[in-house]
């Protein structure tokens, strides 16, 4: 879903634990969804918002803070990886 939105020029810019939800369907499947599109934008390239522990490292560098780094799809992909890492390290048997 995220990739499809990116292809339609809807860029989320805030992939974080609070903006991802997982729910269980009646047939037992788990579905993940991305919420909170209030910081999403078209690709002007200079938007760097988000929760610091989940942001792409390149977007935390001095050049990005000065607006010299374009927000790319790989930055959001890195944010998904940071969220997954956080979940794996903090949850045990479904509990925090």
C-alpha atoms as a PDB file:
ATOM      1  CA  UNK A   1       0.000   0.000   0.000  1.00  0.00           C
ATOM      2  CA  UNK A   2       2.777   2.423   0.904  1.00  0.00           C
ATOM      3  CA  UNK A   3       4.552   1.840  -2.407  1.00  0.00           C
ATOM      4  CA  UNK A   4       1.321   2.365  -4.359  1.00  0.00           C
ATOM      5  CA  UNK A   5       0.728   5.693  -2.608  1.00  0.00           C
ATOM      6  CA  UNK A   6       4.313   6.773  -3.252  1.00  0.00           C
ATOM      7  CA  UNK A   7       3.766   6.031  -6.941  1.00  0.00           C
ATOM      8  CA  UNK A   8       0.755   8.384  -6.852  1.00  0.00           C
ATOM      9  CA  UNK A   9       2.917  11.148  -5.334  1.00  0.00           C
ATOM     10  CA  UNK A  10       1.571  10.769  -1.789  1.00  0.00           C
ATOM     11  CA  UNK A  11       4.665  10.703   0.415  1.00  0.00           C
ATOM     12  CA  UNK A  12       4.044   9.922   4.079  1.00  0.00           C
ATOM     13  CA  UNK A  13       7.215  11.364   5.736  1.00  0.00           C
ATOM     14  CA  UNK A  14       6.396  10.018   9.226  1.00  0.00           C
ATOM     15  CA  UNK A  15       6.787   6.249   9.386  1.00  0.00           C
ATOM     16  CA  UNK A  16       6.819   5.455  13.100  1.00  0.00           C
ATOM     17  CA  UNK A  17       5.452   3.022  15.639  1.00  0.00           C
ATOM     18  CA  UNK A  18       2.424   5.230  16.337  1.00  0.00           C
ATOM     19  CA  UNK A  19       1.499   5.433  12.648  1.00  0.00           C
ATOM     20  CA  UNK A  20       1.407   1.688  12.002  1.00  0.00           C
ATOM     21  CA  UNK A  21      -1.491  -0.499  13.043  1.00  0.00           C
ATOM     22  CA  UNK A  22      -2.045  -4.238  12.790  1.00  0.00           C
ATOM     23  CA  UNK A  23      -5.408  -5.898  13.169  1.00  0.00           C
ATOM     24  CA  UNK A  24      -6.659  -9.468  12.982  1.00  0.00           C
ATOM     25  CA  UNK A  25      -9.402 -10.302  10.494  1.00  0.00           C
ATOM     26  CA  UNK A  26     -12.274 -12.653  11.212  1.00  0.00           C
ATOM     27  CA  UNK A  27     -10.512 -15.400   9.238  1.00  0.00           C
ATOM     28  CA  UNK A  28      -7.366 -15.111  11.383  1.00  0.00           C
ATOM     29  CA  UNK A  29      -5.150 -13.082   9.031  1.00  0.00           C
ATOM     30  CA  UNK A  30      -3.181 -10.086  10.237  1.00  0.00           C
ATOM     31  CA  UNK A  31      -3.383  -6.882   8.207  1.00  0.00           C
ATOM     32  CA  UNK A  32      -1.017  -3.943   8.631  1.00  0.00           C
ATOM     33  CA  UNK A  33      -2.022  -0.409   7.784  1.00  0.00           C
ATOM     34  CA  UNK A  34      -0.311   2.971   7.727  1.00  0.00           C
ATOM     35  CA  UNK A  35      -2.262   5.847   9.295  1.00  0.00           C
ATOM     36  CA  UNK A  36      -1.835   9.576  10.000  1.00  0.00           C
ATOM     37  CA  UNK A  37      -1.281  11.087   6.589  1.00  0.00           C
ATOM     38  CA  UNK A  38      -1.382  14.629   7.977  1.00  0.00           C
ATOM     39  CA  UNK A  39       2.340  15.110   7.191  1.00  0.00           C
ATOM     40  CA  UNK A  40       2.095  13.504   3.761  1.00  0.00           C
ATOM     41  CA  UNK A  41       2.813  15.659   0.759  1.00  0.00           C
ATOM     42  CA  UNK A  42       3.599  15.729  -2.895  1.00  0.00           C
ATOM     43  CA  UNK A  43       7.249  15.176  -3.779  1.00  0.00           C
ATOM     44  CA  UNK A  44       8.808  18.625  -3.447  1.00  0.00           C
ATOM     45  CA  UNK A  45      11.614  16.730  -1.797  1.00  0.00           C
ATOM     46  CA  UNK A  46      12.539  18.860   1.191  1.00  0.00           C
ATOM     47  CA  UNK A  47      10.099  17.604   3.850  1.00  0.00           C
ATOM     48  CA  UNK A  48      11.897  15.931   6.734  1.00  0.00           C
ATOM     49  CA  UNK A  49       9.443  15.229   9.515  1.00  0.00           C
ATOM     50  CA  UNK A  50       9.144  12.221  11.761  1.00  0.00           C
ATOM     51  CA  UNK A  51      10.052  10.661  15.066  1.00  0.00           C
ATOM     52  CA  UNK A  52      13.859  10.733  15.364  1.00  0.00           C
ATOM     53  CA  UNK A  53      14.447   7.080  16.435  1.00  0.00           C
ATOM     54  CA  UNK A  54      12.577   5.902  13.323  1.00  0.00           C
ATOM     55  CA  UNK A  55      13.923   8.384  10.767  1.00  0.00           C
ATOM     56  CA  UNK A  56      16.420   7.459   8.066  1.00  0.00           C
ATOM     57  CA  UNK A  57      19.945   8.293   9.186  1.00  0.00           C
ATOM     58  CA  UNK A  58      20.610  10.406   6.088  1.00  0.00           C
ATOM     59  CA  UNK A  59      17.674  12.680   7.007  1.00  0.00           C
ATOM     60  CA  UNK A  60      19.274  13.414  10.384  1.00  0.00           C
ATOM     61  CA  UNK A  61      22.502  14.722   8.860  1.00  0.00           C
ATOM     62  CA  UNK A  62      23.400  18.410   8.678  1.00  0.00           C
ATOM     63  CA  UNK A  63      22.766  18.594   4.914  1.00  0.00           C
ATOM     64  CA  UNK A  64      19.225  17.273   5.331  1.00  0.00           C
ATOM     65  CA  UNK A  65      18.463  19.700   8.136  1.00  0.00           C
ATOM     66  CA  UNK A  66      19.518  22.513   5.801  1.00  0.00           C
ATOM     67  CA  UNK A  67      17.147  21.172   3.134  1.00  0.00           C
ATOM     68  CA  UNK A  68      19.819  19.846   0.786  1.00  0.00           C
ATOM     69  CA  UNK A  69      18.695  16.197   0.807  1.00  0.00           C
ATOM     70  CA  UNK A  70      15.666  15.086  -1.184  1.00  0.00           C
ATOM     71  CA  UNK A  71      13.290  12.731   0.632  1.00  0.00           C
ATOM     72  CA  UNK A  72      13.437   9.429  -1.263  1.00  0.00           C
ATOM     73  CA  UNK A  73      11.457   6.197  -1.074  1.00  0.00           C
ATOM     74  CA  UNK A  74      14.462   4.464   0.494  1.00  0.00           C
ATOM     75  CA  UNK A  75      14.231   6.851   3.459  1.00  0.00           C
ATOM     76  CA  UNK A  76      10.734   5.592   4.248  1.00  0.00           C
ATOM     77  CA  UNK A  77      11.887   2.009   3.715  1.00  0.00           C
ATOM     78  CA  UNK A  78      14.644   2.581   6.267  1.00  0.00           C
ATOM     79  CA  UNK A  79      12.036   3.965   8.676  1.00  0.00           C
ATOM     80  CA  UNK A  80       9.998   0.755   8.318  1.00  0.00           C
ATOM     81  CA  UNK A  81      13.151  -1.231   9.165  1.00  0.00           C
ATOM     82  CA  UNK A  82      13.793   0.898  12.286  1.00  0.00           C
ATOM     83  CA  UNK A  83      10.192   0.353  13.446  1.00  0.00           C
ATOM     84  CA  UNK A  84      10.464  -3.403  12.882  1.00  0.00           C
ATOM     85  CA  UNK A  85      13.757  -3.472  14.796  1.00  0.00           C
ATOM     86  CA  UNK A  86      12.193  -1.562  17.706  1.00  0.00           C
ATOM     87  CA  UNK A  87       9.204  -3.942  17.828  1.00  0.00           C
ATOM     88  CA  UNK A  88      11.448  -7.018  17.744  1.00  0.00           C
ATOM     89  CA  UNK A  89      13.590  -5.690  20.592  1.00  0.00           C
ATOM     90  CA  UNK A  90      10.755  -4.490  22.844  1.00  0.00           C
ATOM     91  CA  UNK A  91       7.893  -6.948  22.511  1.00  0.00           C
ATOM     92  CA  UNK A  92       7.888 -10.470  23.867  1.00  0.00           C
ATOM     93  CA  UNK A  93       4.879 -12.738  23.322  1.00  0.00           C
ATOM     94  CA  UNK A  94       2.771  -9.756  22.293  1.00  0.00           C
ATOM     95  CA  UNK A  95       3.549  -7.708  25.398  1.00  0.00           C
ATOM     96  CA  UNK A  96       5.724  -4.631  25.863  1.00  0.00           C
END
